[in-house]
C-alpha atoms as a PDB file:
ATOM      1  CA  MET A   1     -17.171  51.341  88.978  1.00  0.00           C
ATOM      2  CA  ALA A   2     -17.462  48.053  87.842  1.00  0.00           C
ATOM      3  CA  SER A   3     -13.349  47.237  87.920  1.00  0.00           C
ATOM      4  CA  GLU A   4     -13.402  48.530  91.193  1.00  0.00           C
ATOM      5  CA  GLY A   5     -16.310  46.654  93.065  1.00  0.00           C
ATOM      6  CA  THR A   6     -14.692  43.841  91.433  1.00  0.00           C
ATOM      7  CA  HIS A   7     -11.310  44.338  92.630  1.00  0.00           C
ATOM      8  CA  ALA A   8     -12.809  45.045  95.883  1.00  0.00           C
ATOM      9  CA  SER A   9     -14.585  40.931  95.931  1.00  0.00           C
ATOM     10  CA  SER A  10     -10.872  39.792  94.778  1.00  0.00           C
ATOM     11  CA  ALA A  11      -9.282  41.851  97.629  1.00  0.00           C
ATOM     12  CA  LEU A  12     -11.914  39.517 100.040  1.00  0.00           C
ATOM     13  CA  ASP A  13     -11.604  36.825  98.501  1.00  0.00           C
ATOM     14  CA  ARG A  14      -7.658  36.383  98.476  1.00  0.00           C
ATOM     15  CA  LEU A  15      -7.274  37.212 102.102  1.00  0.00           C
ATOM     16  CA  SER A  16      -9.657  35.112 103.405  1.00  0.00           C
ATOM     17  CA  PRO A  17      -7.892  32.096 103.713  1.00  0.00           C
ATOM     18  CA  PHE A  18      -5.508  33.600 105.638  1.00  0.00           C
ATOM     19  CA  LEU A  19      -7.270  34.918 108.166  1.00  0.00           C
ATOM     20  CA  ASP A  20      -7.833  32.838 111.374  1.00  0.00           C
ATOM     21  CA  ASP A  21     -10.726  31.147 111.751  1.00  0.00           C
ATOM     22  CA  GLY A  22     -10.425  30.574 115.310  1.00  0.00           C
ATOM     23  CA  ARG A  23      -9.286  34.609 116.523  1.00  0.00           C
ATOM     24  CA  ILE A  24     -12.929  35.686 114.161  1.00  0.00           C
ATOM     25  CA  ALA A  25     -14.688  33.017 116.146  1.00  0.00           C
ATOM     26  CA  ASP A  26     -13.366  34.043 119.427  1.00  0.00           C
ATOM     27  CA  GLY A  27     -13.853  37.526 118.866  1.00  0.00           C
ATOM     28  CA  VAL A  28     -10.468  38.587 119.206  1.00  0.00           C
ATOM     29  CA  ILE A  29     -11.127  40.299 115.864  1.00  0.00           C
ATOM     30  CA  GLY A  30     -14.431  40.971 113.987  1.00  0.00           C
ATOM     31  CA  ARG A  31     -16.190  39.563 110.505  1.00  0.00           C
ATOM     32  CA  PRO A  32     -14.672  40.721 107.558  1.00  0.00           C
ATOM     33  CA  ARG A  33     -15.806  42.600 105.598  1.00  0.00           C
ATOM     34  CA  LEU A  34     -15.449  45.157 101.912  1.00  0.00           C
ATOM     35  CA  VAL A  35     -15.019  49.553 102.612  1.00  0.00           C
ATOM     36  CA  ASN A  36     -14.075  51.344 100.712  1.00  0.00           C
ATOM     37  CA  GLY A  37     -11.503  48.686  98.417  1.00  0.00           C
ATOM     38  CA  TYR A  38      -9.907  47.367 101.749  1.00  0.00           C
ATOM     39  CA  VAL A  39     -10.557  44.813 104.043  1.00  0.00           C
ATOM     40  CA  ASP A  40     -12.084  45.302 107.790  1.00  0.00           C
ATOM     41  CA  VAL A  41     -11.697  43.222 110.584  1.00  0.00           C
ATOM     42  CA  LEU A  42     -11.949  46.422 113.573  1.00  0.00           C
ATOM     43  CA  PRO A  43     -15.030  46.768 115.082  1.00  0.00           C
ATOM     44  CA  ASP A  44     -16.342  50.364 114.840  1.00  0.00           C
ATOM     45  CA  SER A  45     -15.597  52.475 117.995  1.00  0.00           C
ATOM     46  CA  PRO A  46     -15.097  55.885 119.016  1.00  0.00           C
ATOM     47  CA  GLU A  47     -11.993  58.294 118.996  1.00  0.00           C
ATOM     48  CA  ASP A  48      -9.841  56.676 121.332  1.00  0.00           C
ATOM     49  CA  ASP A  49      -8.681  59.422 123.424  1.00  0.00           C
ATOM     50  CA  SER A  50      -5.458  57.175 124.967  1.00  0.00           C
ATOM     51  CA  LYS A  51      -3.850  58.074 121.421  1.00  0.00           C
ATOM     52  CA  SER A  52      -0.425  60.185 121.022  1.00  0.00           C
ATOM     53  CA  LEU A  53      -0.032  62.909 119.513  1.00  0.00           C
ATOM     54  CA  ALA A  54       1.902  61.340 116.566  1.00  0.00           C
ATOM     55  CA  GLN A  55      -0.760  58.299 115.906  1.00  0.00           C
ATOM     56  CA  ARG A  56      -3.802  60.658 115.978  1.00  0.00           C
ATOM     57  CA  THR A  57      -1.543  62.811 113.070  1.00  0.00           C
ATOM     58  CA  MET A  58      -0.972  59.328 111.362  1.00  0.00           C
ATOM     59  CA  GLU A  59      -4.854  59.432 110.634  1.00  0.00           C
ATOM     60  CA  PHE A  60      -5.607  62.709 110.081  1.00  0.00           C
ATOM     61  CA  PRO A  61      -7.224  62.674 106.491  1.00  0.00           C
ATOM     62  CA  LEU A  62      -4.968  65.791 104.899  1.00  0.00           C
ATOM     63  CA  LEU A  63      -1.762  63.644 106.073  1.00  0.00           C
ATOM     64  CA  ALA A  64      -2.366  60.119 103.024  1.00  0.00           C
ATOM     65  CA  PRO A  65      -2.397  62.227 100.189  1.00  0.00           C
ATOM     66  CA  ILE A  66       0.832  63.775 100.566  1.00  0.00           C
ATOM     67  CA  TYR A  67       2.505  61.668 103.043  1.00  0.00           C
ATOM     68  CA  GLU A  68       4.132  59.710  99.951  1.00  0.00           C
ATOM     69  CA  HIS A  69       5.102  62.200  97.944  1.00  0.00           C
ATOM     70  CA  ILE A  70       6.220  64.766 100.259  1.00  0.00           C
ATOM     71  CA  TRP A  71       5.955  63.660 104.167  1.00  0.00           C
ATOM     72  CA  ARG A  72       7.304  60.693 104.507  1.00  0.00           C
ATOM     73  CA  PRO A  73      10.062  61.206 101.762  1.00  0.00           C
ATOM     74  CA  ALA A  74      11.283  64.340 103.792  1.00  0.00           C
ATOM     75  CA  GLY A  75      11.342  62.944 106.932  1.00  0.00           C
ATOM     76  CA  VAL A  76      12.684  60.279 106.322  1.00  0.00           C
ATOM     77  CA  LEU A  77      15.040  62.199 104.474  1.00  0.00           C
ATOM     78  CA  ALA A  78      15.833  63.583 107.944  1.00  0.00           C
ATOM     79  CA  PHE A  79      16.516  61.548 109.758  1.00  0.00           C
ATOM     80  CA  MET A  80      19.377  59.031 107.635  1.00  0.00           C
ATOM     81  CA  GLY A  81      21.408  62.330 107.113  1.00  0.00           C
ATOM     82  CA  PHE A  82      20.276  63.063 104.352  1.00  0.00           C
ATOM     83  CA  ASN A  83      21.673  59.945 102.586  1.00  0.00           C
ATOM     84  CA  LEU A  84      19.647  60.573  99.314  1.00  0.00           C
ATOM     85  CA  GLN A  85      21.331  56.998  98.086  1.00  0.00           C
ATOM     86  CA  HIS A  86      19.809  54.705 100.069  1.00  0.00           C
ATOM     87  CA  PHE A  87      16.559  56.810 100.788  1.00  0.00           C
ATOM     88  CA  ARG A  88      16.353  55.774  96.284  1.00  0.00           C
ATOM     89  CA  GLU A  89      17.030  51.848  96.777  1.00  0.00           C
ATOM     90  CA  GLU A  90      15.472  51.207  99.938  1.00  0.00           C
ATOM     91  CA  ARG A  91      11.836  49.733  98.846  1.00  0.00           C
ATOM     92  CA  GLU A  92      14.544  47.657  96.327  1.00  0.00           C
ATOM     93  CA  LYS A  93      16.735  46.843  99.617  1.00  0.00           C
ATOM     94  CA  THR A  94      13.817  45.871 101.656  1.00  0.00           C
ATOM     95  CA  VAL A  95      12.704  43.045  98.978  1.00  0.00           C
ATOM     96  CA  GLN A  96      16.055  41.473  98.932  1.00  0.00           C
ATOM     97  CA  ALA A  97      16.644  41.491 102.273  1.00  0.00           C
ATOM     98  CA  LEU A  98      12.577  39.834 102.396  1.00  0.00           C
ATOM     99  CA  HIS A  99      14.023  37.270  99.691  1.00  0.00           C
ATOM    100  CA  LEU A 100      10.993  38.584  98.132  1.00  0.00           C
ATOM    101  CA  SER A 101       9.393  35.895  95.198  1.00  0.00           C
ATOM    102  CA  GLY A 102       7.000  34.059  94.000  1.00  0.00           C
ATOM    103  CA  ASP A 103       3.971  33.123  95.935  1.00  0.00           C
ATOM    104  CA  GLN A 104       4.831  33.996  98.549  1.00  0.00           C
ATOM    105  CA  THR A 105       3.081  36.060 100.692  1.00  0.00           C
ATOM    106  CA  VAL A 106       4.138  39.099 102.750  1.00  0.00           C
ATOM    107  CA  LEU A 107       2.754  41.252 105.667  1.00  0.00           C
ATOM    108  CA  ASP A 108       3.564  45.156 105.098  1.00  0.00           C
ATOM    109  CA  ILE A 109       2.688  46.272 109.079  1.00  0.00           C
ATOM    110  CA  ALA A 110       1.502  49.867 109.000  1.00  0.00           C
ATOM    111  CA  CYS A 111       1.253  50.434 105.094  1.00  0.00           C
ATOM    112  CA  GLY A 112       0.151  54.147 105.226  1.00  0.00           C
ATOM    113  CA  PRO A 113      -0.786  54.380 100.977  1.00  0.00           C
ATOM    114  CA  GLY A 114       0.420  51.688  99.845  1.00  0.00           C
ATOM    115  CA  ASN A 115       4.332  52.723  98.562  1.00  0.00           C
ATOM    116  CA  PHE A 116       5.941  49.766  99.363  1.00  0.00           C
ATOM    117  CA  THR A 117       3.463  47.206  99.115  1.00  0.00           C
ATOM    118  CA  ALA A 118       3.028  48.085  95.957  1.00  0.00           C
ATOM    119  CA  THR A 119       6.537  46.973  95.417  1.00  0.00           C
ATOM    120  CA  PHE A 120       6.217  44.007  97.604  1.00  0.00           C
ATOM    121  CA  ALA A 121       3.137  42.804  95.118  1.00  0.00           C
ATOM    122  CA  ASP A 122       5.396  43.536  91.845  1.00  0.00           C
ATOM    123  CA  ALA A 123       7.990  41.653  93.482  1.00  0.00           C
ATOM    124  CA  LEU A 124       6.002  38.377  93.925  1.00  0.00           C
ATOM    125  CA  SER A 125       3.921  36.040  90.724  1.00  0.00           C
ATOM    126  CA  PRO A 126       0.796  36.204  89.834  1.00  0.00           C
ATOM    127  CA  GLY A 127       0.446  33.354  93.156  1.00  0.00           C
ATOM    128  CA  GLY A 128       1.291  35.465  95.237  1.00  0.00           C
ATOM    129  CA  LEU A 129       0.113  38.380  97.920  1.00  0.00           C
ATOM    130  CA  ALA A 130       0.803  41.441  99.122  1.00  0.00           C
ATOM    131  CA  ILE A 131      -0.961  42.710 102.616  1.00  0.00           C
ATOM    132  CA  GLY A 132      -0.637  46.470 103.209  1.00  0.00           C
ATOM    133  CA  LEU A 133      -1.674  46.419 107.516  1.00  0.00           C
ATOM    134  CA  ASP A 134      -2.872  49.504 108.804  1.00  0.00           C
ATOM    135  CA  ILE A 135      -5.389  50.973 111.221  1.00  0.00           C
ATOM    136  CA  SER A 136      -6.092  54.455 109.647  1.00  0.00           C
ATOM    137  CA  ARG A 137      -8.613  54.502 107.608  1.00  0.00           C
ATOM    138  CA  PRO A 138      -7.712  57.542 105.190  1.00  0.00           C
ATOM    139  CA  MET A 139      -4.540  55.809 104.633  1.00  0.00           C
ATOM    140  CA  LEU A 140      -6.410  52.425 103.692  1.00  0.00           C
ATOM    141  CA  ARG A 141      -8.426  54.752 101.003  1.00  0.00           C
ATOM    142  CA  LYS A 142      -5.248  56.155  99.802  1.00  0.00           C
ATOM    143  CA  ALA A 143      -3.788  53.501  99.500  1.00  0.00           C
ATOM    144  CA  VAL A 144      -5.877  51.200  97.535  1.00  0.00           C
ATOM    145  CA  GLU A 145      -6.500  54.476  95.551  1.00  0.00           C
ATOM    146  CA  THR A 146      -2.896  54.966  94.349  1.00  0.00           C
ATOM    147  CA  ASN A 147      -0.338  51.377  95.451  1.00  0.00           C
ATOM    148  CA  SER A 148      -4.353  49.081  94.131  1.00  0.00           C
ATOM    149  CA  HIS A 149      -2.143  46.293  92.522  1.00  0.00           C
ATOM    150  CA  PRO A 150      -3.412  42.878  91.330  1.00  0.00           C
ATOM    151  CA  ASN A 151      -1.190  40.655  93.734  1.00  0.00           C
ATOM    152  CA  ALA A 152      -2.098  43.364  96.947  1.00  0.00           C
ATOM    153  CA  VAL A 153      -4.568  43.777  98.931  1.00  0.00           C
ATOM    154  CA  TYR A 154      -4.850  46.263 101.933  1.00  0.00           C
ATOM    155  CA  LEU A 155      -6.433  45.293 105.470  1.00  0.00           C
ATOM    156  CA  ARG A 156      -7.565  47.734 108.701  1.00  0.00           C
ATOM    157  CA  GLY A 157      -6.235  45.569 111.207  1.00  0.00           C
ATOM    158  CA  ASP A 158      -4.645  46.230 114.409  1.00  0.00           C
ATOM    159  CA  ALA A 159      -0.602  45.199 114.921  1.00  0.00           C
ATOM    160  CA  THR A 160      -0.347  44.288 118.026  1.00  0.00           C
ATOM    161  CA  SER A 161      -2.862  40.840 117.868  1.00  0.00           C
ATOM    162  CA  LEU A 162      -2.896  40.385 113.599  1.00  0.00           C
ATOM    163  CA  PRO A 163      -5.644  38.289 112.537  1.00  0.00           C
ATOM    164  CA  PHE A 164      -3.666  35.771 111.036  1.00  0.00           C
ATOM    165  CA  PRO A 165      -3.302  32.610 112.376  1.00  0.00           C
ATOM    166  CA  ASP A 166       0.177  31.027 113.788  1.00  0.00           C
ATOM    167  CA  ALA A 167       3.197  30.360 110.891  1.00  0.00           C
ATOM    168  CA  ALA A 168       1.408  31.308 108.650  1.00  0.00           C
ATOM    169  CA  LEU A 169       3.136  34.387 106.219  1.00  0.00           C
ATOM    170  CA  ASP A 170       6.325  34.399 104.529  1.00  0.00           C
ATOM    171  CA  ALA A 171       7.960  37.803 105.106  1.00  0.00           C
ATOM    172  CA  VAL A 172       6.666  40.148 107.698  1.00  0.00           C
ATOM    173  CA  THR A 173       7.997  43.937 107.291  1.00  0.00           C
ATOM    174  CA  CYS A 174       6.813  47.499 109.824  1.00  0.00           C
ATOM    175  CA  TYR A 175       8.649  50.915 108.701  1.00  0.00           C
ATOM    176  CA  ALA A 176       8.669  53.817 110.248  1.00  0.00           C
ATOM    177  CA  ALA A 177       6.253  52.960 112.753  1.00  0.00           C
ATOM    178  CA  LEU A 178       7.604  50.936 115.844  1.00  0.00           C
ATOM    179  CA  TYR A 179       8.472  54.549 117.609  1.00  0.00           C
ATOM    180  CA  LEU A 180       4.994  55.586 116.972  1.00  0.00           C
ATOM    181  CA  ILE A 181       3.130  52.685 118.784  1.00  0.00           C
ATOM    182  CA  PRO A 182       2.930  52.502 122.664  1.00  0.00           C
ATOM    183  CA  ASP A 183       3.777  48.301 122.978  1.00  0.00           C
ATOM    184  CA  PRO A 184       6.425  48.263 119.920  1.00  0.00           C
ATOM    185  CA  PHE A 185       7.253  45.038 121.240  1.00  0.00           C
ATOM    186  CA  THR A 186       3.663  43.585 121.052  1.00  0.00           C
ATOM    187  CA  VAL A 187       4.048  44.461 118.034  1.00  0.00           C
ATOM    188  CA  LEU A 188       6.984  42.323 117.561  1.00  0.00           C
ATOM    189  CA  ASP A 189       5.898  39.521 119.277  1.00  0.00           C
ATOM    190  CA  GLU A 190       2.664  39.041 116.759  1.00  0.00           C
ATOM    191  CA  MET A 191       5.139  39.619 113.647  1.00  0.00           C
ATOM    192  CA  MET A 192       6.967  36.537 114.482  1.00  0.00           C
ATOM    193  CA  ARG A 193       4.039  34.309 115.772  1.00  0.00           C
ATOM    194  CA  VAL A 194       2.518  34.450 112.297  1.00  0.00           C
ATOM    195  CA  LEU A 195       5.846  34.432 110.652  1.00  0.00           C
ATOM    196  CA  LYS A 196       6.731  30.950 108.469  1.00  0.00           C
ATOM    197  CA  PRO A 197       9.798  28.844 110.269  1.00  0.00           C
ATOM    198  CA  GLY A 198      12.028  29.943 107.069  1.00  0.00           C
ATOM    199  CA  GLY A 199      10.378  33.497 106.819  1.00  0.00           C
ATOM    200  CA  ARG A 200      12.283  36.959 106.523  1.00  0.00           C
ATOM    201  CA  ILE A 201      11.687  39.406 108.857  1.00  0.00           C
ATOM    202  CA  SER A 202      12.666  43.514 108.610  1.00  0.00           C
ATOM    203  CA  VAL A 203      12.057  46.125 110.423  1.00  0.00           C
ATOM    204  CA  MET A 204      13.059  50.289 110.277  1.00  0.00           C
ATOM    205  CA  ALA A 205      12.742  52.094 113.583  1.00  0.00           C
ATOM    206  CA  SER A 206      13.913  54.787 114.717  1.00  0.00           C
ATOM    207  CA  ARG A 207      18.039  55.145 116.956  1.00  0.00           C
ATOM    208  CA  ALA A 208      18.942  56.625 120.079  1.00  0.00           C
ATOM    209  CA  SER A 209      21.770  58.854 119.727  1.00  0.00           C
ATOM    210  CA  GLU A 210      25.132  56.925 121.660  1.00  0.00           C
ATOM    211  CA  TYR A 211      26.056  60.269 123.906  1.00  0.00           C
ATOM    212  CA  PRO A 212      23.717  60.124 126.946  1.00  0.00           C
ATOM    213  CA  ALA A 213      22.787  63.983 127.593  1.00  0.00           C
ATOM    214  CA  ILE A 214      21.883  63.969 123.650  1.00  0.00           C
ATOM    215  CA  ARG A 215      20.121  60.658 124.076  1.00  0.00           C
ATOM    216  CA  ARG A 216      18.305  61.898 127.452  1.00  0.00           C
ATOM    217  CA  ALA A 217      16.849  65.058 125.152  1.00  0.00           C
ATOM    218  CA  GLN A 218      15.624  63.167 122.625  1.00  0.00           C
ATOM    219  CA  ARG A 219      12.858  61.359 125.153  1.00  0.00           C
ATOM    220  CA  ARG A 220      12.538  64.228 126.505  1.00  0.00           C
ATOM    221  CA  VAL A 221      11.375  65.947 123.592  1.00  0.00           C
ATOM    222  CA  LEU A 222      10.128  63.127 122.194  1.00  0.00           C
ATOM    223  CA  GLY A 223       8.189  61.554 124.660  1.00  0.00           C
ATOM    224  CA  LEU A 224       5.771  64.343 124.268  1.00  0.00           C
ATOM    225  CA  THR A 225       4.568  63.557 121.056  1.00  0.00           C
ATOM    226  CA  GLY A 226       4.711  59.508 121.494  1.00  0.00           C
ATOM    227  CA  LEU A 227       7.372  59.404 119.808  1.00  0.00           C
ATOM    228  CA  ARG A 228      10.186  56.673 120.359  1.00  0.00           C
ATOM    229  CA  MET A 229      14.237  56.697 119.883  1.00  0.00           C
ATOM    230  CA  PHE A 230      15.844  52.916 119.922  1.00  0.00           C
ATOM    231  CA  ASP A 231      19.279  51.437 121.725  1.00  0.00           C
ATOM    232  CA  ILE A 232      21.223  50.499 118.531  1.00  0.00           C
ATOM    233  CA  ASN A 233      21.147  47.344 120.398  1.00  0.00           C
ATOM    234  CA  ALA A 234      16.750  46.987 121.308  1.00  0.00           C
ATOM    235  CA  PHE A 235      15.825  44.803 117.593  1.00  0.00           C
ATOM    236  CA  THR A 236      19.173  42.904 117.616  1.00  0.00           C
ATOM    237  CA  ASP A 237      18.621  41.415 120.805  1.00  0.00           C
ATOM    238  CA  TYR A 238      15.171  40.982 120.373  1.00  0.00           C
ATOM    239  CA  PHE A 239      15.683  39.213 117.611  1.00  0.00           C
ATOM    240  CA  ARG A 240      18.722  37.276 118.982  1.00  0.00           C
ATOM    241  CA  SER A 241      16.193  36.389 122.134  1.00  0.00           C
ATOM    242  CA  SER A 242      13.525  35.497 120.394  1.00  0.00           C
ATOM    243  CA  GLY A 243      16.151  32.931 118.228  1.00  0.00           C
ATOM    244  CA  LEU A 244      15.763  34.042 114.282  1.00  0.00           C
ATOM    245  CA  THR A 245      19.336  34.068 112.796  1.00  0.00           C
ATOM    246  CA  GLU A 246      21.302  35.724 109.762  1.00  0.00           C
ATOM    247  CA  ILE A 247      20.452  39.175 111.827  1.00  0.00           C
ATOM    248  CA  THR A 248      21.690  42.280 109.925  1.00  0.00           C
ATOM    249  CA  GLN A 249      21.442  45.168 110.802  1.00  0.00           C
ATOM    250  CA  GLU A 250      22.236  48.570 109.266  1.00  0.00           C
ATOM    251  CA  ILE A 251      22.621  52.613 110.002  1.00  0.00           C
ATOM    252  CA  TYR A 252      21.869  55.822 108.334  1.00  0.00           C
ATOM    253  CA  GLY A 253      21.252  58.872 110.552  1.00  0.00           C
ATOM    254  CA  VAL A 254      19.279  57.620 113.718  1.00  0.00           C
ATOM    255  CA  VAL A 255      17.255  55.149 111.663  1.00  0.00           C
ATOM    256  CA  GLN A 256      17.991  51.776 111.488  1.00  0.00           C
ATOM    257  CA  TYR A 257      17.069  48.696 109.708  1.00  0.00           C
ATOM    258  CA  VAL A 258      17.419  45.118 111.168  1.00  0.00           C
ATOM    259  CA  HIS A 259      16.928  41.982 109.821  1.00  0.00           C
ATOM    260  CA  GLY A 260      16.013  38.340 110.398  1.00  0.00           C
ATOM    261  CA  MET A 261      15.387  34.708 109.506  1.00  0.00           C
ATOM    262  CA  LYS A 262      13.075  32.154 110.977  1.00  0.00           C
ATOM    263  CA  PRO A 263      15.355  29.223 111.977  1.00  0.00           C
ATOM    264  CA  THR A 264      13.543  26.443 109.904  1.00  0.00           C
ATOM    265  CA  GLY A 265      14.423  23.881 112.726  1.00  0.00           C
END
């Protein structure tokens, strides 16, 4: 138990220099505090009745224990058209796309139980930091329990209002979550805001069918759960309009990966 307390204190100590004091002072985010080994900057608030079924599912306490080894593999493999090789290489390919190394700081938005966050932490030197951010308490408790790492900290926060100053982070990613969020492009705006010039961004999201009839059916059926399917050009167009360079896209089944770099000038 003593080692857990030391690790928790270290988490707050390591994360605090990256948090935006101005946003804390203005009340945009709350005063950071340790909760069950992760840092929390969100106020305790009543249950939000406006959350979609998909969002509520991700916060269900019984999902966190099975998410990493059962839920996500089954769902993502099906969406990828059962491309097992790509699924096995997914984390390492993301490390490569983000150019992670050394003492960089990377933000993993909607980190869930921290499976990607820990992989990112492995790619960094002791001076680097992988920050796993999620809004789900059960997911973050599981992340602390199963994916603790000397180079990783976990943070409860809101992806639509990130608790970091402008141009603070070397890399930002959001995998398998934008289709759950009611305002995904607000999240992308925030990702762009906190990314340093020369920093890398990577997203993984759904891809709508190229056939209009199927696309309409997808929207009707998935809309009932709060899920959405994105057009094939949704993220590449957004990245270009935001001035990103070195934009690449990979398609696997109904999943798309889009990567880019924030220009330095």
